[in-house]
Amino acid sequence: MKEKIDRLRAGGKTLEDLFFFEKDLTLLEKKKQLRKMEHSLQTLSEISGITDEALLRKLVDFNIQVEVMATLSIIPLVEIAWADGQIDKNERSEILKAAESFGVFKGQVNRDLFEHWLTHHPPKGMTESWIYYMQGLCQLLSKKERGVLKAGFLQWAKKIGEAGSDEAKTKSKTTRRKKEILLQLEQAFEPLNYKI
C-alpha cells in the first residue's frame, strides 16, 4: 500500500508540474497561494466539490496536496471547454458565467486557474497524465469511494460541456467531441487490472 501511495505522490507531482507550467509566472503565483492554504477537509472540499467526509479523510490520509487537488478538479473542466480546439470570447464568457452559477469557484485561486486555462491551450499530455493519476488513485479506493470521487470531479465538467456558445452547441462535431472527452474522463475511475 505504501508503495502505491508513494507512486501516487510522484504522479501527482508530475501532473502538478504539467498543470502549473514552470515558465508561467501567473501560474507559479497561484501555486504558491494554494500551498499556503491549510490542508484540511474543508479546503479539499472547496477545491474539489467533493462533500463526502469519509472520502475527504482518506484523501487527507494519502496526503494529497491542495495544489494537486486543484489540478485534479480543473483539468476535466479545461478539457471539456477546449473540446472543439478553440474558445472564443463569447464562449469563454458563457463558460465562466455557468461555472460561477453552479459553484465551481469557492475561492479566487480556482477561478484564476480556470480563467488562465481558458485563454491558454492545455499542454499535450495533460489529460493523459490526469487519467493515469486518477487510475492510480482509484486503485486505492473502494467502488463506493470511486463513485463519489467521479461524481465530485465530473459534475462540473458535464455542466461546462452544456455551457458552450449556441453556435458551438449546434455543431455535432463539437458535441460528439465533448461526449468523447467525458467518456474518456469517466473511464479513469474504473479499476485497472495491472499495477502502476
N, C-alpha and C. Protein backbone atom coordinates (compact mmCIF):
# COMPACT_ATOMS: atom_id res chain seq x y z
N MET A 1 0.83 -1.19 0.00
CA MET A 1 0.00 0.00 0.00
C MET A 1 0.88 1.26 0.00
N LYS A 2 1.93 1.27 0.86
CA LYS A 2 2.80 2.44 0.93
C LYS A 2 3.44 2.71 -0.42
N GLU A 3 3.83 1.64 -1.12
CA GLU A 3 4.46 1.80 -2.44
C GLU A 3 3.48 2.45 -3.42
N LYS A 4 2.22 2.04 -3.38
CA LYS A 4 1.21 2.63 -4.26
C LYS A 4 1.00 4.11 -3.94
N ILE A 5 0.97 4.44 -2.65
CA ILE A 5 0.80 5.84 -2.25
C ILE A 5 2.00 6.67 -2.68
N ASP A 6 3.21 6.11 -2.55
CA ASP A 6 4.41 6.82 -3.00
C ASP A 6 4.37 7.08 -4.50
N ARG A 7 3.93 6.07 -5.27
CA ARG A 7 3.81 6.26 -6.72
C ARG A 7 2.73 7.28 -7.05
N LEU A 8 1.67 7.28 -6.25
CA LEU A 8 0.60 8.25 -6.44
C LEU A 8 1.13 9.67 -6.22
N ARG A 9 1.91 9.85 -5.17
CA ARG A 9 2.50 11.17 -4.89
C ARG A 9 3.41 11.62 -6.05
N ALA A 10 4.22 10.70 -6.55
CA ALA A 10 5.11 11.03 -7.67
C ALA A 10 4.30 11.41 -8.90
N GLY A 11 3.22 10.67 -9.16
CA GLY A 11 2.34 11.01 -10.28
C GLY A 11 1.66 12.34 -10.08
N GLY A 12 1.29 12.65 -8.84
CA GLY A 12 0.68 13.94 -8.54
C GLY A 12 1.65 15.08 -8.79
N LYS A 13 2.89 14.89 -8.46
CA LYS A 13 3.92 15.92 -8.69
C LYS A 13 4.10 16.16 -10.18
N THR A 14 4.10 15.09 -10.97
CA THR A 14 4.23 15.22 -12.42
C THR A 14 3.05 15.99 -13.00
N LEU A 15 1.85 15.62 -12.57
CA LEU A 15 0.64 16.29 -13.04
C LEU A 15 0.63 17.76 -12.63
N GLU A 16 1.00 18.00 -11.40
CA GLU A 16 1.07 19.37 -10.88
C GLU A 16 2.05 20.21 -11.70
N ASP A 17 3.23 19.65 -11.99
CA ASP A 17 4.23 20.39 -12.77
C ASP A 17 3.73 20.70 -14.18
N LEU A 18 3.01 19.77 -14.77
CA LEU A 18 2.45 19.98 -16.10
C LEU A 18 1.39 21.07 -16.07
N PHE A 19 0.56 21.04 -15.04
CA PHE A 19 -0.54 22.00 -14.90
C PHE A 19 -0.03 23.41 -14.57
N PHE A 20 0.88 23.49 -13.63
CA PHE A 20 1.45 24.77 -13.22
C PHE A 20 2.76 24.97 -13.96
N PHE A 21 2.69 25.05 -15.27
CA PHE A 21 3.87 25.15 -16.14
C PHE A 21 4.85 26.15 -15.57
N GLU A 22 6.05 25.69 -15.28
CA GLU A 22 7.04 26.46 -14.52
C GLU A 22 7.43 27.82 -15.13
N LYS A 23 7.25 28.00 -16.43
CA LYS A 23 7.65 29.27 -17.03
C LYS A 23 6.57 30.34 -16.94
N ASP A 24 5.37 29.97 -16.52
CA ASP A 24 4.27 30.92 -16.47
C ASP A 24 4.19 31.52 -15.06
N LEU A 25 4.57 32.78 -14.94
CA LEU A 25 4.64 33.43 -13.63
C LEU A 25 3.28 33.52 -12.95
N THR A 26 2.22 33.70 -13.72
CA THR A 26 0.88 33.77 -13.16
C THR A 26 0.53 32.46 -12.47
N LEU A 27 0.81 31.36 -13.15
CA LEU A 27 0.50 30.06 -12.57
C LEU A 27 1.38 29.77 -11.36
N LEU A 28 2.63 30.18 -11.41
CA LEU A 28 3.51 29.96 -10.26
C LEU A 28 2.99 30.69 -9.03
N GLU A 29 2.48 31.90 -9.22
CA GLU A 29 1.92 32.66 -8.11
C GLU A 29 0.69 31.95 -7.53
N LYS A 30 -0.15 31.43 -8.38
CA LYS A 30 -1.35 30.70 -7.92
C LYS A 30 -0.94 29.44 -7.16
N LYS A 31 0.10 28.78 -7.64
CA LYS A 31 0.59 27.58 -6.97
C LYS A 31 1.07 27.92 -5.56
N LYS A 32 1.78 29.05 -5.43
CA LYS A 32 2.24 29.49 -4.11
C LYS A 32 1.06 29.76 -3.19
N GLN A 33 0.01 30.40 -3.73
CA GLN A 33 -1.18 30.68 -2.93
C GLN A 33 -1.85 29.39 -2.46
N LEU A 34 -1.92 28.41 -3.34
CA LEU A 34 -2.52 27.13 -2.96
C LEU A 34 -1.72 26.44 -1.88
N ARG A 35 -0.39 26.49 -1.99
CA ARG A 35 0.47 25.84 -0.99
C ARG A 35 0.28 26.44 0.40
N LYS A 36 -0.08 27.72 0.45
CA LYS A 36 -0.27 28.39 1.73
C LYS A 36 -1.59 28.01 2.39
N MET A 37 -2.51 27.45 1.61
CA MET A 37 -3.81 27.09 2.17
C MET A 37 -3.66 25.92 3.13
N GLU A 38 -4.47 25.92 4.16
CA GLU A 38 -4.44 24.85 5.14
C GLU A 38 -4.91 23.55 4.50
N HIS A 39 -4.18 22.49 4.73
CA HIS A 39 -4.52 21.17 4.21
C HIS A 39 -5.58 20.57 5.14
N SER A 40 -6.84 20.81 4.83
CA SER A 40 -7.92 20.35 5.69
C SER A 40 -9.05 19.77 4.86
N LEU A 41 -9.98 19.13 5.52
CA LEU A 41 -11.14 18.58 4.83
C LEU A 41 -11.92 19.68 4.13
N GLN A 42 -12.10 20.79 4.81
CA GLN A 42 -12.87 21.90 4.23
C GLN A 42 -12.18 22.45 2.99
N THR A 43 -10.88 22.62 3.04
CA THR A 43 -10.14 23.14 1.89
C THR A 43 -10.24 22.20 0.70
N LEU A 44 -10.02 20.90 0.96
CA LEU A 44 -10.11 19.92 -0.14
C LEU A 44 -11.52 19.89 -0.71
N SER A 45 -12.52 20.01 0.14
CA SER A 45 -13.91 20.02 -0.32
C SER A 45 -14.19 21.24 -1.20
N GLU A 46 -13.74 22.40 -0.74
CA GLU A 46 -13.97 23.64 -1.51
C GLU A 46 -13.29 23.58 -2.87
N ILE A 47 -12.11 23.03 -2.92
CA ILE A 47 -11.36 23.00 -4.16
C ILE A 47 -11.91 21.95 -5.13
N SER A 48 -12.37 20.83 -4.59
CA SER A 48 -12.77 19.71 -5.45
C SER A 48 -14.26 19.60 -5.70
N GLY A 49 -15.07 20.14 -4.79
CA GLY A 49 -16.51 19.95 -4.90
C GLY A 49 -16.97 18.66 -4.24
N ILE A 50 -16.06 17.88 -3.70
CA ILE A 50 -16.40 16.63 -3.03
C ILE A 50 -16.87 16.96 -1.61
N THR A 51 -18.02 16.41 -1.23
CA THR A 51 -18.56 16.71 0.09
C THR A 51 -18.57 15.50 1.03
N ASP A 52 -18.27 14.33 0.53
CA ASP A 52 -18.26 13.11 1.33
C ASP A 52 -17.08 13.15 2.29
N GLU A 53 -17.38 13.25 3.59
CA GLU A 53 -16.33 13.43 4.59
C GLU A 53 -15.39 12.22 4.69
N ALA A 54 -15.93 11.01 4.56
CA ALA A 54 -15.10 9.81 4.65
C ALA A 54 -14.07 9.78 3.52
N LEU A 55 -14.50 10.12 2.30
CA LEU A 55 -13.56 10.16 1.17
C LEU A 55 -12.54 11.26 1.36
N LEU A 56 -12.98 12.42 1.81
CA LEU A 56 -12.04 13.52 2.05
C LEU A 56 -10.99 13.13 3.09
N ARG A 57 -11.42 12.44 4.14
CA ARG A 57 -10.46 11.98 5.16
C ARG A 57 -9.43 11.03 4.55
N LYS A 58 -9.89 10.17 3.67
CA LYS A 58 -8.97 9.22 3.02
C LYS A 58 -7.96 9.98 2.15
N LEU A 59 -8.43 11.00 1.43
CA LEU A 59 -7.54 11.79 0.59
C LEU A 59 -6.50 12.53 1.45
N VAL A 60 -6.95 13.01 2.61
CA VAL A 60 -6.01 13.66 3.55
C VAL A 60 -5.00 12.62 4.04
N ASP A 61 -5.48 11.41 4.35
CA ASP A 61 -4.57 10.34 4.80
C ASP A 61 -3.53 10.01 3.73
N PHE A 62 -3.93 10.10 2.47
CA PHE A 62 -2.99 9.86 1.36
C PHE A 62 -2.07 11.04 1.15
N ASN A 63 -2.30 12.11 1.91
CA ASN A 63 -1.51 13.34 1.83
C ASN A 63 -1.54 13.96 0.44
N ILE A 64 -2.73 13.97 -0.16
CA ILE A 64 -2.88 14.63 -1.45
C ILE A 64 -2.89 16.13 -1.21
N GLN A 65 -1.93 16.80 -1.81
CA GLN A 65 -1.73 18.22 -1.58
C GLN A 65 -2.83 19.07 -2.21
N VAL A 66 -3.04 20.24 -1.66
CA VAL A 66 -4.08 21.15 -2.13
C VAL A 66 -3.89 21.50 -3.60
N GLU A 67 -2.64 21.75 -4.01
CA GLU A 67 -2.41 22.12 -5.41
C GLU A 67 -2.68 20.96 -6.36
N VAL A 68 -2.44 19.72 -5.90
CA VAL A 68 -2.77 18.55 -6.72
C VAL A 68 -4.29 18.42 -6.82
N MET A 69 -5.00 18.65 -5.71
CA MET A 69 -6.46 18.57 -5.73
C MET A 69 -7.04 19.63 -6.67
N ALA A 70 -6.49 20.83 -6.65
CA ALA A 70 -6.96 21.88 -7.58
C ALA A 70 -6.72 21.45 -9.02
N THR A 71 -5.57 20.88 -9.27
CA THR A 71 -5.24 20.39 -10.61
C THR A 71 -6.23 19.32 -11.06
N LEU A 72 -6.49 18.36 -10.17
CA LEU A 72 -7.42 17.28 -10.50
C LEU A 72 -8.82 17.80 -10.77
N SER A 73 -9.21 18.84 -10.08
CA SER A 73 -10.56 19.40 -10.23
C SER A 73 -10.72 20.20 -11.51
N ILE A 74 -9.70 20.92 -11.91
CA ILE A 74 -9.82 21.86 -13.02
C ILE A 74 -9.55 21.22 -14.38
N ILE A 75 -8.69 20.23 -14.45
CA ILE A 75 -8.35 19.64 -15.75
C ILE A 75 -9.58 19.14 -16.51
N PRO A 76 -10.53 18.42 -15.89
CA PRO A 76 -11.70 18.00 -16.67
C PRO A 76 -12.49 19.18 -17.24
N LEU A 77 -12.58 20.27 -16.49
CA LEU A 77 -13.30 21.45 -16.96
C LEU A 77 -12.61 22.06 -18.18
N VAL A 78 -11.29 22.15 -18.09
CA VAL A 78 -10.50 22.72 -19.17
C VAL A 78 -10.61 21.87 -20.43
N GLU A 79 -10.51 20.56 -20.26
CA GLU A 79 -10.58 19.67 -21.42
C GLU A 79 -11.93 19.76 -22.12
N ILE A 80 -13.00 19.83 -21.37
CA ILE A 80 -14.33 19.97 -21.97
C ILE A 80 -14.46 21.32 -22.66
N ALA A 81 -13.97 22.37 -22.03
CA ALA A 81 -14.08 23.71 -22.62
C ALA A 81 -13.34 23.79 -23.95
N TRP A 82 -12.21 23.08 -24.06
CA TRP A 82 -11.40 23.12 -25.28
C TRP A 82 -11.77 22.02 -26.27
N ALA A 83 -12.90 21.38 -26.10
CA ALA A 83 -13.28 20.21 -26.92
C ALA A 83 -13.20 20.47 -28.41
N ASP A 84 -13.59 21.66 -28.84
CA ASP A 84 -13.56 21.93 -30.29
C ASP A 84 -12.26 22.59 -30.74
N GLY A 85 -11.28 22.68 -29.84
CA GLY A 85 -9.96 23.19 -30.20
C GLY A 85 -9.79 24.69 -30.07
N GLN A 86 -10.87 25.38 -29.71
CA GLN A 86 -10.77 26.83 -29.53
C GLN A 86 -11.85 27.31 -28.58
N ILE A 87 -11.61 28.45 -27.98
CA ILE A 87 -12.61 29.09 -27.12
C ILE A 87 -12.67 30.54 -27.54
N ASP A 88 -13.83 30.93 -28.09
CA ASP A 88 -13.96 32.34 -28.47
C ASP A 88 -14.40 33.16 -27.25
N LYS A 89 -14.40 34.47 -27.40
CA LYS A 89 -14.71 35.37 -26.29
C LYS A 89 -16.09 35.11 -25.70
N ASN A 90 -17.08 34.93 -26.56
CA ASN A 90 -18.45 34.70 -26.09
C ASN A 90 -18.55 33.37 -25.34
N GLU A 91 -17.92 32.34 -25.90
CA GLU A 91 -17.96 31.04 -25.27
C GLU A 91 -17.26 31.08 -23.91
N ARG A 92 -16.14 31.77 -23.85
CA ARG A 92 -15.40 31.92 -22.60
C ARG A 92 -16.27 32.58 -21.54
N SER A 93 -16.94 33.65 -21.94
CA SER A 93 -17.82 34.37 -21.03
C SER A 93 -18.96 33.47 -20.54
N GLU A 94 -19.57 32.72 -21.44
CA GLU A 94 -20.66 31.82 -21.06
C GLU A 94 -20.18 30.72 -20.13
N ILE A 95 -19.01 30.18 -20.40
CA ILE A 95 -18.45 29.12 -19.56
C ILE A 95 -18.18 29.65 -18.16
N LEU A 96 -17.60 30.85 -18.06
CA LEU A 96 -17.32 31.44 -16.75
C LEU A 96 -18.61 31.73 -15.98
N LYS A 97 -19.62 32.24 -16.68
CA LYS A 97 -20.91 32.51 -16.02
C LYS A 97 -21.53 31.22 -15.51
N ALA A 98 -21.50 30.20 -16.34
CA ALA A 98 -22.06 28.92 -15.93
C ALA A 98 -21.30 28.35 -14.74
N ALA A 99 -19.98 28.38 -14.80
CA ALA A 99 -19.16 27.85 -13.71
C ALA A 99 -19.45 28.59 -12.41
N GLU A 100 -19.62 29.90 -12.52
CA GLU A 100 -19.95 30.71 -11.34
C GLU A 100 -21.31 30.31 -10.79
N SER A 101 -22.28 30.11 -11.66
CA SER A 101 -23.65 29.83 -11.23
C SER A 101 -23.80 28.49 -10.53
N PHE A 102 -23.00 27.49 -10.91
CA PHE A 102 -23.14 26.22 -10.21
C PHE A 102 -22.03 25.94 -9.21
N GLY A 103 -21.30 26.98 -8.83
CA GLY A 103 -20.44 26.90 -7.66
C GLY A 103 -19.05 26.32 -7.82
N VAL A 104 -18.47 26.40 -9.01
CA VAL A 104 -17.10 25.92 -9.19
C VAL A 104 -16.13 26.74 -8.36
N PHE A 105 -16.39 28.02 -8.26
CA PHE A 105 -15.42 28.93 -7.64
C PHE A 105 -15.77 29.22 -6.19
N LYS A 106 -15.16 28.46 -5.30
CA LYS A 106 -15.33 28.73 -3.88
C LYS A 106 -14.28 29.76 -3.44
N GLY A 107 -13.24 29.89 -4.24
CA GLY A 107 -12.18 30.83 -3.92
C GLY A 107 -11.59 31.41 -5.19
N GLN A 108 -10.90 32.52 -5.05
CA GLN A 108 -10.35 33.23 -6.21
C GLN A 108 -9.27 32.41 -6.92
N VAL A 109 -8.53 31.60 -6.19
CA VAL A 109 -7.44 30.85 -6.81
C VAL A 109 -7.99 29.90 -7.87
N ASN A 110 -9.04 29.14 -7.53
CA ASN A 110 -9.63 28.24 -8.52
C ASN A 110 -10.13 29.01 -9.74
N ARG A 111 -10.77 30.14 -9.49
CA ARG A 111 -11.28 30.95 -10.60
C ARG A 111 -10.13 31.42 -11.49
N ASP A 112 -9.08 31.92 -10.88
CA ASP A 112 -7.93 32.42 -11.65
C ASP A 112 -7.28 31.30 -12.46
N LEU A 113 -7.14 30.12 -11.86
CA LEU A 113 -6.54 28.99 -12.58
C LEU A 113 -7.42 28.59 -13.77
N PHE A 114 -8.72 28.52 -13.54
CA PHE A 114 -9.63 28.13 -14.60
C PHE A 114 -9.61 29.17 -15.73
N GLU A 115 -9.66 30.45 -15.36
CA GLU A 115 -9.61 31.51 -16.38
C GLU A 115 -8.32 31.44 -17.18
N HIS A 116 -7.21 31.18 -16.49
CA HIS A 116 -5.93 31.07 -17.20
C HIS A 116 -6.01 30.01 -18.27
N TRP A 117 -6.52 28.83 -17.91
CA TRP A 117 -6.56 27.74 -18.86
C TRP A 117 -7.63 27.91 -19.93
N LEU A 118 -8.52 28.87 -19.76
CA LEU A 118 -9.47 29.19 -20.84
C LEU A 118 -8.82 30.07 -21.91
N THR A 119 -7.70 30.69 -21.57
CA THR A 119 -7.01 31.53 -22.55
C THR A 119 -5.73 30.88 -23.07
N HIS A 120 -5.28 29.81 -22.43
CA HIS A 120 -4.08 29.09 -22.85
C HIS A 120 -4.44 27.64 -23.12
N HIS A 121 -4.19 27.20 -24.32
CA HIS A 121 -4.50 25.80 -24.67
C HIS A 121 -3.69 24.88 -23.78
N PRO A 122 -4.34 23.86 -23.21
CA PRO A 122 -3.61 22.95 -22.32
C PRO A 122 -2.48 22.22 -23.05
N PRO A 123 -1.39 21.94 -22.34
CA PRO A 123 -0.27 21.25 -22.99
C PRO A 123 -0.64 19.82 -23.35
N LYS A 124 0.00 19.34 -24.36
CA LYS A 124 -0.21 17.95 -24.80
C LYS A 124 0.15 17.01 -23.65
N GLY A 125 -0.69 16.04 -23.44
CA GLY A 125 -0.45 15.04 -22.41
C GLY A 125 -1.08 15.33 -21.07
N MET A 126 -1.70 16.50 -20.91
CA MET A 126 -2.27 16.84 -19.62
C MET A 126 -3.43 15.90 -19.26
N THR A 127 -4.31 15.63 -20.21
CA THR A 127 -5.43 14.74 -19.94
C THR A 127 -4.94 13.33 -19.65
N GLU A 128 -3.99 12.87 -20.43
CA GLU A 128 -3.45 11.53 -20.22
C GLU A 128 -2.81 11.41 -18.84
N SER A 129 -2.10 12.45 -18.41
CA SER A 129 -1.49 12.44 -17.08
C SER A 129 -2.57 12.42 -15.99
N TRP A 130 -3.64 13.19 -16.22
CA TRP A 130 -4.76 13.21 -15.27
C TRP A 130 -5.37 11.81 -15.16
N ILE A 131 -5.63 11.19 -16.30
CA ILE A 131 -6.23 9.85 -16.31
C ILE A 131 -5.32 8.85 -15.60
N TYR A 132 -4.05 8.89 -15.89
CA TYR A 132 -3.08 7.98 -15.28
C TYR A 132 -3.09 8.15 -13.76
N TYR A 133 -3.10 9.40 -13.31
CA TYR A 133 -3.12 9.68 -11.87
C TYR A 133 -4.42 9.16 -11.25
N MET A 134 -5.56 9.45 -11.88
CA MET A 134 -6.84 9.02 -11.34
C MET A 134 -6.93 7.51 -11.27
N GLN A 135 -6.41 6.81 -12.27
CA GLN A 135 -6.42 5.35 -12.25
C GLN A 135 -5.61 4.82 -11.07
N GLY A 136 -4.48 5.44 -10.81
CA GLY A 136 -3.67 5.05 -9.67
C GLY A 136 -4.38 5.31 -8.35
N LEU A 137 -5.01 6.46 -8.23
CA LEU A 137 -5.75 6.80 -7.02
C LEU A 137 -6.91 5.84 -6.83
N CYS A 138 -7.61 5.53 -7.90
CA CYS A 138 -8.79 4.66 -7.80
C CYS A 138 -8.43 3.23 -7.38
N GLN A 139 -7.20 2.83 -7.61
CA GLN A 139 -6.76 1.50 -7.14
C GLN A 139 -6.76 1.44 -5.61
N LEU A 140 -6.66 2.59 -4.97
CA LEU A 140 -6.60 2.65 -3.51
C LEU A 140 -7.97 2.86 -2.88
N LEU A 141 -9.01 2.97 -3.69
CA LEU A 141 -10.35 3.29 -3.20
C LEU A 141 -11.33 2.16 -3.44
N SER A 142 -12.36 2.13 -2.62
CA SER A 142 -13.44 1.16 -2.81
C SER A 142 -14.32 1.62 -3.98
N LYS A 143 -15.20 0.74 -4.43
CA LYS A 143 -16.11 1.07 -5.52
C LYS A 143 -16.97 2.29 -5.16
N LYS A 144 -17.48 2.32 -3.94
CA LYS A 144 -18.30 3.45 -3.49
C LYS A 144 -17.48 4.75 -3.50
N GLU A 145 -16.26 4.69 -2.99
CA GLU A 145 -15.41 5.88 -2.94
C GLU A 145 -15.08 6.36 -4.35
N ARG A 146 -14.84 5.43 -5.27
CA ARG A 146 -14.58 5.81 -6.67
C ARG A 146 -15.79 6.53 -7.26
N GLY A 147 -16.99 6.03 -6.94
CA GLY A 147 -18.21 6.66 -7.44
C GLY A 147 -18.37 8.08 -6.92
N VAL A 148 -18.07 8.27 -5.64
CA VAL A 148 -18.17 9.62 -5.04
C VAL A 148 -17.13 10.55 -5.67
N LEU A 149 -15.92 10.04 -5.83
CA LEU A 149 -14.85 10.84 -6.45
C LEU A 149 -15.22 11.23 -7.88
N LYS A 150 -15.72 10.27 -8.63
CA LYS A 150 -16.13 10.51 -10.01
C LYS A 150 -17.22 11.57 -10.08
N ALA A 151 -18.24 11.44 -9.24
CA ALA A 151 -19.33 12.42 -9.23
C ALA A 151 -18.81 13.81 -8.87
N GLY A 152 -17.91 13.85 -7.89
CA GLY A 152 -17.36 15.15 -7.46
C GLY A 152 -16.57 15.83 -8.55
N PHE A 153 -15.71 15.09 -9.24
CA PHE A 153 -14.86 15.70 -10.25
C PHE A 153 -15.57 15.96 -11.58
N LEU A 154 -16.53 15.11 -11.92
CA LEU A 154 -17.13 15.24 -13.25
C LEU A 154 -18.46 16.00 -13.28
N GLN A 155 -19.03 16.30 -12.11
CA GLN A 155 -20.30 17.03 -12.12
C GLN A 155 -20.17 18.38 -12.83
N TRP A 156 -19.09 19.09 -12.53
CA TRP A 156 -18.90 20.41 -13.14
C TRP A 156 -18.51 20.30 -14.61
N ALA A 157 -17.73 19.27 -14.94
CA ALA A 157 -17.31 19.09 -16.34
C ALA A 157 -18.53 18.88 -17.23
N LYS A 158 -19.48 18.11 -16.77
CA LYS A 158 -20.70 17.89 -17.55
C LYS A 158 -21.46 19.20 -17.77
N LYS A 159 -21.51 20.02 -16.74
CA LYS A 159 -22.21 21.30 -16.85
C LYS A 159 -21.46 22.26 -17.77
N ILE A 160 -20.13 22.24 -17.69
CA ILE A 160 -19.33 23.08 -18.59
C ILE A 160 -19.58 22.65 -20.03
N GLY A 161 -19.70 21.35 -20.25
CA GLY A 161 -19.98 20.83 -21.59
C GLY A 161 -21.28 21.35 -22.16
N GLU A 162 -22.23 21.64 -21.29
CA GLU A 162 -23.53 22.16 -21.72
C GLU A 162 -23.52 23.68 -21.87
N ALA A 163 -22.45 24.34 -21.42
CA ALA A 163 -22.44 25.80 -21.33
C ALA A 163 -21.85 26.51 -22.54
N GLY A 164 -21.34 25.79 -23.54
CA GLY A 164 -20.69 26.44 -24.68
C GLY A 164 -21.62 27.38 -25.43
N SER A 165 -21.08 28.09 -26.38
CA SER A 165 -21.87 29.04 -27.15
C SER A 165 -22.95 28.33 -27.94
N ASP A 166 -24.00 29.05 -28.30
CA ASP A 166 -25.10 28.47 -29.07
C ASP A 166 -24.59 27.92 -30.40
N GLU A 167 -23.64 28.64 -31.00
CA GLU A 167 -23.09 28.19 -32.28
C GLU A 167 -22.37 26.85 -32.10
N ALA A 168 -21.59 26.74 -31.02
CA ALA A 168 -20.86 25.50 -30.76
C ALA A 168 -21.81 24.35 -30.45
N LYS A 169 -22.93 24.68 -29.76
CA LYS A 169 -23.89 23.63 -29.41
C LYS A 169 -24.53 23.02 -30.63
N THR A 170 -24.65 23.80 -31.69
CA THR A 170 -25.30 23.28 -32.89
C THR A 170 -24.36 22.43 -33.75
N LYS A 171 -23.09 22.51 -33.49
CA LYS A 171 -22.12 21.72 -34.26
C LYS A 171 -22.04 20.33 -33.67
N SER A 172 -22.48 19.35 -34.44
CA SER A 172 -22.49 17.98 -33.91
C SER A 172 -21.07 17.48 -33.64
N LYS A 173 -20.09 17.97 -34.38
CA LYS A 173 -18.70 17.56 -34.18
C LYS A 173 -18.23 17.96 -32.77
N THR A 174 -18.57 19.19 -32.36
CA THR A 174 -18.19 19.67 -31.03
C THR A 174 -18.90 18.86 -29.96
N THR A 175 -20.19 18.64 -30.12
CA THR A 175 -20.96 17.87 -29.16
C THR A 175 -20.40 16.45 -29.05
N ARG A 176 -20.10 15.84 -30.17
CA ARG A 176 -19.55 14.49 -30.18
C ARG A 176 -18.19 14.47 -29.46
N ARG A 177 -17.35 15.47 -29.72
CA ARG A 177 -16.03 15.53 -29.10
C ARG A 177 -16.15 15.69 -27.57
N LYS A 178 -17.10 16.51 -27.11
CA LYS A 178 -17.31 16.68 -25.67
C LYS A 178 -17.73 15.35 -25.04
N LYS A 179 -18.61 14.62 -25.72
CA LYS A 179 -19.05 13.32 -25.20
C LYS A 179 -17.88 12.35 -25.14
N GLU A 180 -17.01 12.38 -26.15
CA GLU A 180 -15.83 11.50 -26.16
C GLU A 180 -14.91 11.83 -25.00
N ILE A 181 -14.70 13.11 -24.75
CA ILE A 181 -13.82 13.52 -23.65
C ILE A 181 -14.42 13.09 -22.32
N LEU A 182 -15.72 13.32 -22.14
CA LEU A 182 -16.38 12.91 -20.89
C LEU A 182 -16.26 11.40 -20.67
N LEU A 183 -16.47 10.63 -21.72
CA LEU A 183 -16.35 9.17 -21.62
C LEU A 183 -14.93 8.78 -21.22
N GLN A 184 -13.96 9.42 -21.84
CA GLN A 184 -12.55 9.15 -21.53
C GLN A 184 -12.26 9.49 -20.06
N LEU A 185 -12.78 10.62 -19.59
CA LEU A 185 -12.56 11.02 -18.19
C LEU A 185 -13.27 10.05 -17.24
N GLU A 186 -14.48 9.63 -17.59
CA GLU A 186 -15.24 8.70 -16.75
C GLU A 186 -14.51 7.36 -16.61
N GLN A 187 -13.89 6.90 -17.68
CA GLN A 187 -13.20 5.62 -17.64
C GLN A 187 -11.99 5.63 -16.72
N ALA A 188 -11.50 6.79 -16.39
CA ALA A 188 -10.35 6.89 -15.49
C ALA A 188 -10.70 6.41 -14.08
N PHE A 189 -11.98 6.30 -13.77
CA PHE A 189 -12.41 5.90 -12.43
C PHE A 189 -12.65 4.39 -12.31
N GLU A 190 -12.40 3.67 -13.38
CA GLU A 190 -12.56 2.22 -13.36
C GLU A 190 -11.27 1.57 -12.87
N PRO A 191 -11.40 0.50 -12.09
CA PRO A 191 -10.18 -0.16 -11.59
C PRO A 191 -9.38 -0.79 -12.73
N LEU A 192 -8.09 -0.81 -12.54
CA LEU A 192 -7.19 -1.40 -13.53
C LEU A 192 -6.84 -2.83 -13.14
N ASN A 193 -6.53 -3.62 -14.12
CA ASN A 193 -6.10 -4.98 -13.86
C ASN A 193 -4.59 -5.09 -13.76
N TYR A 194 -3.90 -3.98 -13.96
CA TYR A 194 -2.46 -4.00 -13.87
C TYR A 194 -2.01 -2.96 -12.87
N LYS A 195 -0.80 -3.12 -12.39
CA LYS A 195 -0.27 -2.19 -11.40
C LYS A 195 0.42 -1.02 -12.08
N ILE A 196 0.35 0.15 -11.44
CA ILE A 196 1.07 1.30 -11.99
C ILE A 196 2.44 1.38 -11.35
